[in-house]
PDB file of N, CA and C in Angstrom:
ATOM      1  N   MET A   1       0.769  -1.106   0.004  1.00  0.00           N
ATOM      2  CA  MET A   1      -0.010  -0.061  -0.058  1.00  0.00           C
ATOM      3  C   MET A   1       0.818   1.256   0.023  1.00  0.00           C
ATOM      4  N   ALA A   2       1.954   1.257   0.842  1.00  0.00           N
ATOM      5  CA  ALA A   2       2.828   2.465   0.814  1.00  0.00           C
ATOM      6  C   ALA A   2       3.427   2.705  -0.502  1.00  0.00           C
ATOM      7  N   TYR A   3       3.874   1.533  -1.094  1.00  0.00           N
ATOM      8  CA  TYR A   3       4.455   1.734  -2.402  1.00  0.00           C
ATOM      9  C   TYR A   3       3.561   2.261  -3.453  1.00  0.00           C
ATOM     10  N   GLU A   4       2.254   1.904  -3.514  1.00  0.00           N
ATOM     11  CA  GLU A   4       1.307   2.384  -4.361  1.00  0.00           C
ATOM     12  C   GLU A   4       0.995   3.857  -4.109  1.00  0.00           C
ATOM     13  N   ASP A   5       0.949   4.253  -2.772  1.00  0.00           N
ATOM     14  CA  ASP A   5       0.763   5.596  -2.486  1.00  0.00           C
ATOM     15  C   ASP A   5       1.938   6.402  -2.972  1.00  0.00           C
ATOM     16  N   HIS A   6       3.102   5.904  -2.811  1.00  0.00           N
ATOM     17  CA  HIS A   6       4.293   6.646  -3.265  1.00  0.00           C
ATOM     18  C   HIS A   6       4.299   6.838  -4.745  1.00  0.00           C
ATOM     19  N   LEU A   7       3.847   5.784  -5.485  1.00  0.00           N
ATOM     20  CA  LEU A   7       3.769   5.951  -6.983  1.00  0.00           C
ATOM     21  C   LEU A   7       2.753   6.928  -7.363  1.00  0.00           C
ATOM     22  N   LYS A   8       1.548   6.870  -6.760  1.00  0.00           N
ATOM     23  CA  LYS A   8       0.634   7.967  -6.929  1.00  0.00           C
ATOM     24  C   LYS A   8       1.098   9.327  -6.789  1.00  0.00           C
ATOM     25  N   TRP A   9       1.866   9.554  -5.694  1.00  0.00           N
ATOM     26  CA  TRP A   9       2.460  10.798  -5.385  1.00  0.00           C
ATOM     27  C   TRP A   9       3.478  11.192  -6.369  1.00  0.00           C
ATOM     28  N   LEU A  10       4.245  10.284  -6.877  1.00  0.00           N
ATOM     29  CA  LEU A  10       5.210  10.559  -7.925  1.00  0.00           C
ATOM     30  C   LEU A  10       4.559  10.995  -9.226  1.00  0.00           C
ATOM     31  N   LEU A  11       3.421  10.305  -9.544  1.00  0.00           N
ATOM     32  CA  LEU A  11       2.693  10.733 -10.784  1.00  0.00           C
ATOM     33  C   LEU A  11       2.102  12.035 -10.629  1.00  0.00           C
ATOM     34  N   ILE A  12       1.569  12.302  -9.497  1.00  0.00           N
ATOM     35  CA  ILE A  12       1.027  13.697  -9.226  1.00  0.00           C
ATOM     36  C   ILE A  12       2.123  14.674  -9.371  1.00  0.00           C
ATOM     37  N   GLU A  13       3.208  14.485  -8.811  1.00  0.00           N
ATOM     38  CA  GLU A  13       4.365  15.414  -8.931  1.00  0.00           C
ATOM     39  C   GLU A  13       4.894  15.598 -10.317  1.00  0.00           C
ATOM     40  N   ALA A  14       4.947  14.470 -11.053  1.00  0.00           N
ATOM     41  CA  ALA A  14       5.409  14.522 -12.492  1.00  0.00           C
ATOM     42  C   ALA A  14       4.391  15.330 -13.248  1.00  0.00           C
ATOM     43  N   ASN A  15       3.147  15.182 -13.040  1.00  0.00           N
ATOM     44  CA  ASN A  15       2.125  15.987 -13.779  1.00  0.00           C
ATOM     45  C   ASN A  15       2.188  17.394 -13.510  1.00  0.00           C
ATOM     46  N   THR A  16       2.458  17.666 -12.064  1.00  0.00           N
ATOM     47  CA  THR A  16       2.563  19.050 -11.781  1.00  0.00           C
ATOM     48  C   THR A  16       3.745  19.766 -12.434  1.00  0.00           C
ATOM     49  N   VAL A  17       4.873  19.084 -12.387  1.00  0.00           N
ATOM     50  CA  VAL A  17       6.062  19.574 -13.078  1.00  0.00           C
ATOM     51  C   VAL A  17       5.857  19.895 -14.556  1.00  0.00           C
ATOM     52  N   GLU A  18       5.118  19.014 -15.151  1.00  0.00           N
ATOM     53  CA  GLU A  18       4.909  19.161 -16.571  1.00  0.00           C
ATOM     54  C   GLU A  18       3.970  20.288 -16.831  1.00  0.00           C
ATOM     55  N   LYS A  19       2.907  20.444 -16.012  1.00  0.00           N
ATOM     56  CA  LYS A  19       1.922  21.491 -16.173  1.00  0.00           C
ATOM     57  C   LYS A  19       2.731  22.865 -16.112  1.00  0.00           C
ATOM     58  N   TYR A  20       3.592  22.969 -15.040  1.00  0.00           N
ATOM     59  CA  TYR A  20       4.213  24.270 -14.897  1.00  0.00           C
ATOM     60  C   TYR A  20       5.362  24.541 -15.964  1.00  0.00           C
ATOM     61  N   ARG A  21       5.904  23.349 -16.487  1.00  0.00           N
ATOM     62  CA  ARG A  21       6.843  23.495 -17.492  1.00  0.00           C
ATOM     63  C   ARG A  21       6.093  24.104 -18.833  1.00  0.00           C
ATOM     64  N   GLN A  22       5.020  23.437 -19.190  1.00  0.00           N
ATOM     65  CA  GLN A  22       4.270  23.927 -20.250  1.00  0.00           C
ATOM     66  C   GLN A  22       3.759  25.356 -20.041  1.00  0.00           C
ATOM     67  N   GLU A  23       3.288  25.735 -18.882  1.00  0.00           N
ATOM     68  CA  GLU A  23       2.881  27.116 -18.626  1.00  0.00           C
ATOM     69  C   GLU A  23       4.125  28.063 -18.783  1.00  0.00           C
ATOM     70  N   GLY A  24       5.210  27.680 -18.404  1.00  0.00           N
ATOM     71  CA  GLY A  24       6.353  28.520 -18.495  1.00  0.00           C
ATOM     72  C   GLY A  24       6.801  28.632 -19.981  1.00  0.00           C
ATOM     73  N   GLU A  25       6.747  27.643 -20.696  1.00  0.00           N
ATOM     74  CA  GLU A  25       7.029  27.626 -22.066  1.00  0.00           C
ATOM     75  C   GLU A  25       6.013  28.581 -22.830  1.00  0.00           C
ATOM     76  N   GLN A  26       4.855  28.426 -22.534  1.00  0.00           N
ATOM     77  CA  GLN A  26       3.863  29.283 -23.194  1.00  0.00           C
ATOM     78  C   GLN A  26       4.084  30.758 -22.866  1.00  0.00           C
ATOM     79  N   LYS A  27       4.398  31.062 -21.630  1.00  0.00           N
ATOM     80  CA  LYS A  27       4.572  32.439 -21.238  1.00  0.00           C
ATOM     81  C   LYS A  27       5.926  32.967 -21.867  1.00  0.00           C
ATOM     82  N   GLY A  28       6.893  32.160 -21.945  1.00  0.00           N
ATOM     83  CA  GLY A  28       8.053  32.506 -22.634  1.00  0.00           C
ATOM     84  C   GLY A  28       7.882  32.789 -24.137  1.00  0.00           C
ATOM     85  N   ARG A  29       7.052  32.130 -24.733  1.00  0.00           N
ATOM     86  CA  ARG A  29       6.641  32.326 -26.191  1.00  0.00           C
ATOM     87  C   ARG A  29       5.959  33.686 -26.251  1.00  0.00           C
ATOM     88  N   GLN A  30       4.987  33.922 -25.373  1.00  0.00           N
ATOM     89  CA  GLN A  30       4.250  35.208 -25.449  1.00  0.00           C
ATOM     90  C   GLN A  30       5.224  36.412 -25.208  1.00  0.00           C
ATOM     91  N   GLU A  31       6.081  36.201 -24.272  1.00  0.00           N
ATOM     92  CA  GLU A  31       7.037  37.332 -24.006  1.00  0.00           C
ATOM     93  C   GLU A  31       7.991  37.584 -25.251  1.00  0.00           C
ATOM     94  N   GLY A  32       8.428  36.452 -25.849  1.00  0.00           N
ATOM     95  CA  GLY A  32       9.252  36.511 -27.019  1.00  0.00           C
ATOM     96  C   GLY A  32       8.560  37.191 -28.180  1.00  0.00           C
ATOM     97  N   ARG A  33       7.257  36.907 -28.331  1.00  0.00           N
ATOM     98  CA  ARG A  33       6.481  37.564 -29.425  1.00  0.00           C
ATOM     99  C   ARG A  33       6.281  39.051 -29.162  1.00  0.00           C
ATOM    100  N   GLU A  34       6.126  39.428 -27.886  1.00  0.00           N
ATOM    101  CA  GLU A  34       5.919  40.869 -27.554  1.00  0.00           C
ATOM    102  C   GLU A  34       7.241  41.584 -27.836  1.00  0.00           C
ATOM    103  N   GLU A  35       8.354  40.987 -27.470  1.00  0.00           N
ATOM    104  CA  GLU A  35       9.685  41.610 -27.603  1.00  0.00           C
ATOM    105  C   GLU A  35       9.923  41.765 -29.076  1.00  0.00           C
ATOM    106  N   GLY A  36       9.572  40.766 -29.846  1.00  0.00           N
ATOM    107  CA  GLY A  36       9.700  40.822 -31.313  1.00  0.00           C
ATOM    108  C   GLY A  36       8.883  41.905 -31.989  1.00  0.00           C
ATOM    109  N   ARG A  37       7.730  42.137 -31.470  1.00  0.00           N
ATOM    110  CA  ARG A  37       6.803  43.146 -31.948  1.00  0.00           C
ATOM    111  C   ARG A  37       7.490  44.520 -31.715  1.00  0.00           C
ATOM    112  N   GLN A  38       7.974  44.703 -30.399  1.00  0.00           N
ATOM    113  CA  GLN A  38       8.524  45.984 -30.051  1.00  0.00           C
ATOM    114  C   GLN A  38       9.713  46.219 -30.877  1.00  0.00           C
ATOM    115  N   GLU A  39      10.661  45.254 -31.100  1.00  0.00           N
ATOM    116  CA  GLU A  39      11.767  45.381 -31.908  1.00  0.00           C
ATOM    117  C   GLU A  39      11.349  45.830 -33.325  1.00  0.00           C
ATOM    118  N   GLY A  40      10.358  45.187 -33.904  1.00  0.00           N
ATOM    119  CA  GLY A  40       9.949  45.475 -35.232  1.00  0.00           C
ATOM    120  C   GLY A  40       9.390  46.833 -35.344  1.00  0.00           C
ATOM    121  N   ILE A  41       8.731  47.308 -34.356  1.00  0.00           N
ATOM    122  CA  ILE A  41       8.232  48.663 -34.230  1.00  0.00           C
ATOM    123  C   ILE A  41       9.388  49.694 -34.203  1.00  0.00           C
ATOM    124  N   ARG A  42      10.289  49.414 -33.397  1.00  0.00           N
ATOM    125  CA  ARG A  42      11.518  50.242 -33.265  1.00  0.00           C
ATOM    126  C   ARG A  42      12.240  50.348 -34.604  1.00  0.00           C
ATOM    127  N   ILE A  43      12.490  49.204 -35.215  1.00  0.00           N
ATOM    128  CA  ILE A  43      13.171  49.219 -36.521  1.00  0.00           C
ATOM    129  C   ILE A  43      12.409  49.947 -37.550  1.00  0.00           C
ATOM    130  N   GLY A  44      11.110  49.775 -37.621  1.00  0.00           N
ATOM    131  CA  GLY A  44      10.267  50.470 -38.551  1.00  0.00           C
ATOM    132  C   GLY A  44      10.285  51.978 -38.291  1.00  0.00           C
ATOM    133  N   GLU A  45      10.290  52.440 -37.122  1.00  0.00           N
ATOM    134  CA  GLU A  45      10.319  53.864 -36.784  1.00  0.00           C
ATOM    135  C   GLU A  45      11.687  54.416 -37.271  1.00  0.00           C
ATOM    136  N   GLU A  46      12.775  53.741 -36.950  1.00  0.00           N
ATOM    137  CA  GLU A  46      14.099  54.169 -37.346  1.00  0.00           C
ATOM    138  C   GLU A  46      14.198  54.330 -38.871  1.00  0.00           C
ATOM    139  N   LYS A  47      13.670  53.241 -39.600  1.00  0.00           N
ATOM    140  CA  LYS A  47      13.730  53.234 -41.101  1.00  0.00           C
ATOM    141  C   LYS A  47      12.892  54.425 -41.637  1.00  0.00           C
ATOM    142  N   GLY A  48      11.710  54.640 -41.015  1.00  0.00           N
ATOM    143  CA  GLY A  48      10.881  55.763 -41.455  1.00  0.00           C
ATOM    144  C   GLY A  48      11.510  57.026 -41.264  1.00  0.00           C
ATOM    145  N   LYS A  49      12.211  57.227 -40.122  1.00  0.00           N
ATOM    146  CA  LYS A  49      12.919  58.535 -39.939  1.00  0.00           C
ATOM    147  C   LYS A  49      13.965  58.790 -40.969  1.00  0.00           C
ATOM    148  N   LEU A  50      14.731  57.698 -41.214  1.00  0.00           N
ATOM    149  CA  LEU A  50      15.872  57.760 -42.211  1.00  0.00           C
ATOM    150  C   LEU A  50      15.239  58.108 -43.663  1.00  0.00           C
ATOM    151  N   GLU A  51      14.212  57.449 -43.967  1.00  0.00           N
ATOM    152  CA  GLU A  51      13.577  57.675 -45.254  1.00  0.00           C
ATOM    153  C   GLU A  51      13.046  59.130 -45.398  1.00  0.00           C
ATOM    154  N   GLY A  52      12.456  59.695 -44.275  1.00  0.00           N
ATOM    155  CA  GLY A  52      12.026  61.043 -44.249  1.00  0.00           C
ATOM    156  C   GLY A  52      13.177  61.967 -44.319  1.00  0.00           C
ATOM    157  N   LYS A  53      14.258  61.767 -43.780  1.00  0.00           N
ATOM    158  CA  LYS A  53      15.516  62.611 -43.890  1.00  0.00           C
ATOM    159  C   LYS A  53      15.975  62.521 -45.329  1.00  0.00           C
ATOM    160  N   MET A  54      15.985  61.427 -45.900  1.00  0.00           N
ATOM    161  CA  MET A  54      16.594  61.276 -47.213  1.00  0.00           C
ATOM    162  C   MET A  54      15.686  62.057 -48.164  1.00  0.00           C
ATOM    163  N   GLU A  55      14.324  62.021 -47.980  1.00  0.00           N
ATOM    164  CA  GLU A  55      13.435  62.810 -48.864  1.00  0.00           C
ATOM    165  C   GLU A  55      13.676  64.268 -48.706  1.00  0.00           C
ATOM    166  N   ILE A  56      13.822  64.701 -47.441  1.00  0.00           N
ATOM    167  CA  ILE A  56      14.188  66.167 -47.208  1.00  0.00           C
ATOM    168  C   ILE A  56      15.421  66.560 -47.910  1.00  0.00           C
ATOM    169  N   ALA A  57      16.431  65.709 -47.749  1.00  0.00           N
ATOM    170  CA  ALA A  57      17.788  65.982 -48.389  1.00  0.00           C
ATOM    171  C   ALA A  57      17.548  66.133 -49.904  1.00  0.00           C
ATOM    172  N   LYS A  58      16.898  65.136 -50.498  1.00  0.00           N
ATOM    173  CA  LYS A  58      16.583  65.195 -51.950  1.00  0.00           C
ATOM    174  C   LYS A  58      15.960  66.513 -52.349  1.00  0.00           C
ATOM    175  N   ASP A  59      14.974  66.951 -51.490  1.00  0.00           N
ATOM    176  CA  ASP A  59      14.280  68.159 -51.910  1.00  0.00           C
ATOM    177  C   ASP A  59      15.098  69.368 -51.759  1.00  0.00           C
ATOM    178  N   MET A  60      15.884  69.326 -50.644  1.00  0.00           N
ATOM    179  CA  MET A  60      16.855  70.439 -50.426  1.00  0.00           C
ATOM    180  C   MET A  60      17.870  70.573 -51.595  1.00  0.00           C
ATOM    181  N   LEU A  61      18.393  69.509 -52.105  1.00  0.00           N
ATOM    182  CA  LEU A  61      19.288  69.493 -53.121  1.00  0.00           C
ATOM    183  C   LEU A  61      18.591  70.012 -54.470  1.00  0.00           C
ATOM    184  N   LYS A  62      17.452  69.588 -54.645  1.00  0.00           N
ATOM    185  CA  LYS A  62      16.663  70.166 -55.823  1.00  0.00           C
ATOM    186  C   LYS A  62      16.470  71.590 -55.766  1.00  0.00           C
ATOM    187  N   ASP A  63      16.340  72.064 -54.515  1.00  0.00           N
ATOM    188  CA  ASP A  63      16.140  73.511 -54.359  1.00  0.00           C
ATOM    189  C   ASP A  63      17.452  74.339 -54.346  1.00  0.00           C
ATOM    190  N   GLY A  64      18.538  73.687 -54.605  1.00  0.00           N
ATOM    191  CA  GLY A  64      19.849  74.334 -54.661  1.00  0.00           C
ATOM    192  C   GLY A  64      20.604  74.476 -53.350  1.00  0.00           C
ATOM    193  N   PHE A  65      20.200  73.816 -52.304  1.00  0.00           N
ATOM    194  CA  PHE A  65      21.017  73.949 -51.061  1.00  0.00           C
ATOM    195  C   PHE A  65      22.369  73.208 -51.274  1.00  0.00           C
ATOM    196  N   GLN A  66      23.360  73.827 -50.606  1.00  0.00           N
ATOM    197  CA  GLN A  66      24.754  73.251 -50.722  1.00  0.00           C
ATOM    198  C   GLN A  66      24.756  71.967 -49.870  1.00  0.00           C
ATOM    199  N   LEU A  67      25.631  71.047 -50.275  1.00  0.00           N
ATOM    200  CA  LEU A  67      25.653  69.801 -49.600  1.00  0.00           C
ATOM    201  C   LEU A  67      26.014  69.813 -48.090  1.00  0.00           C
ATOM    202  N   ASP A  68      26.807  70.905 -47.708  1.00  0.00           N
ATOM    203  CA  ASP A  68      27.211  70.981 -46.311  1.00  0.00           C
ATOM    204  C   ASP A  68      25.896  71.450 -45.443  1.00  0.00           C
ATOM    205  N   LYS A  69      25.099  72.239 -46.087  1.00  0.00           N
ATOM    206  CA  LYS A  69      23.925  72.707 -45.400  1.00  0.00           C
ATOM    207  C   LYS A  69      22.873  71.508 -45.249  1.00  0.00           C
ATOM    208  N   VAL A  70      22.838  70.703 -46.337  1.00  0.00           N
ATOM    209  CA  VAL A  70      21.873  69.579 -46.179  1.00  0.00           C
ATOM    210  C   VAL A  70      22.319  68.661 -45.136  1.00  0.00           C
ATOM    211  N   ILE A  71      23.670  68.397 -45.029  1.00  0.00           N
ATOM    212  CA  ILE A  71      24.213  67.477 -43.944  1.00  0.00           C
ATOM    213  C   ILE A  71      23.875  68.123 -42.647  1.00  0.00           C
ATOM    214  N   LEU A  72      24.117  69.371 -42.448  1.00  0.00           N
ATOM    215  CA  LEU A  72      23.879  70.089 -41.208  1.00  0.00           C
ATOM    216  C   LEU A  72      22.447  69.968 -40.780  1.00  0.00           C
ATOM    217  N   PHE A  73      21.475  70.246 -41.682  1.00  0.00           N
ATOM    218  CA  PHE A  73      20.119  70.309 -41.338  1.00  0.00           C
ATOM    219  C   PHE A  73      19.439  68.907 -41.206  1.00  0.00           C
ATOM    220  N   THR A  74      19.903  67.883 -41.898  1.00  0.00           N
ATOM    221  CA  THR A  74      19.262  66.628 -41.833  1.00  0.00           C
ATOM    222  C   THR A  74      20.043  65.670 -40.951  1.00  0.00           C
ATOM    223  N   GLY A  75      21.305  65.899 -40.647  1.00  0.00           N
ATOM    224  CA  GLY A  75      22.069  65.044 -39.788  1.00  0.00           C
ATOM    225  C   GLY A  75      22.540  63.722 -40.459  1.00  0.00           C
ATOM    226  N   LEU A  76      22.273  63.811 -41.798  1.00  0.00           N
ATOM    227  CA  LEU A  76      22.753  62.572 -42.551  1.00  0.00           C
ATOM    228  C   LEU A  76      24.275  62.698 -42.778  1.00  0.00           C
ATOM    229  N   TYR A  77      24.840  61.487 -43.173  1.00  0.00           N
ATOM    230  CA  TYR A  77      26.264  61.542 -43.586  1.00  0.00           C
ATOM    231  C   TYR A  77      26.352  61.898 -45.037  1.00  0.00           C
ATOM    232  N   LYS A  78      27.549  62.371 -45.399  1.00  0.00           N
ATOM    233  CA  LYS A  78      27.765  62.778 -46.762  1.00  0.00           C
ATOM    234  C   LYS A  78      27.578  61.603 -47.734  1.00  0.00           C
ATOM    235  N   SER A  79      28.086  60.445 -47.364  1.00  0.00           N
ATOM    236  CA  SER A  79      27.930  59.279 -48.202  1.00  0.00           C
ATOM    237  C   SER A  79      26.399  58.874 -48.390  1.00  0.00           C
ATOM    238  N   ASP A  80      25.585  59.076 -47.373  1.00  0.00           N
ATOM    239  CA  ASP A  80      24.179  58.831 -47.555  1.00  0.00           C
ATOM    240  C   ASP A  80      23.566  59.782 -48.575  1.00  0.00           C
ATOM    241  N   ILE A  81      23.838  61.056 -48.500  1.00  0.00           N
ATOM    242  CA  ILE A  81      23.297  61.999 -49.402  1.00  0.00           C
ATOM    243  C   ILE A  81      23.886  61.866 -50.759  1.00  0.00           C
ATOM    244  N   GLN A  82      25.057  61.505 -50.848  1.00  0.00           N
ATOM    245  CA  GLN A  82      25.641  61.289 -52.239  1.00  0.00           C
ATOM    246  C   GLN A  82      25.003  60.047 -52.922  1.00  0.00           C
ATOM    247  N   SER A  83      24.437  59.161 -52.136  1.00  0.00           N
ATOM    248  CA  SER A  83      23.794  58.003 -52.764  1.00  0.00           C
ATOM    249  C   SER A  83      22.449  58.423 -53.462  1.00  0.00           C
ATOM    250  N   ILE A  84      21.919  59.536 -53.126  1.00  0.00           N
ATOM    251  CA  ILE A  84      20.700  59.951 -53.761  1.00  0.00           C
ATOM    252  C   ILE A  84      21.010  61.082 -54.935  1.00  0.00           C
ATOM    253  N   ILE A  85      22.094  61.507 -55.015  1.00  0.00           N
ATOM    254  CA  ILE A  85      22.395  62.454 -56.015  1.00  0.00           C
ATOM    255  C   ILE A  85      22.400  61.870 -57.373  1.00  0.00           C
TER     256      ILE A  85
END
């Protein structure tokens, strides 16, 4: 009887451990997805800002601004601006 009780207890413990392992795994996946979303948003915002600056630089150059002024006002590198010329 004691042996059977011990086996039942072991099965309950094993099930409990498995349950919490699965819950932890699910929580980890959810956190990973959220971190991925946040990273994607951050990258998208940075890309959008750069594209906006490049568009401004292009317009400034069309309007006759000197390269050094475009660099100063947009904060872009000379090599970035030269790639759109």
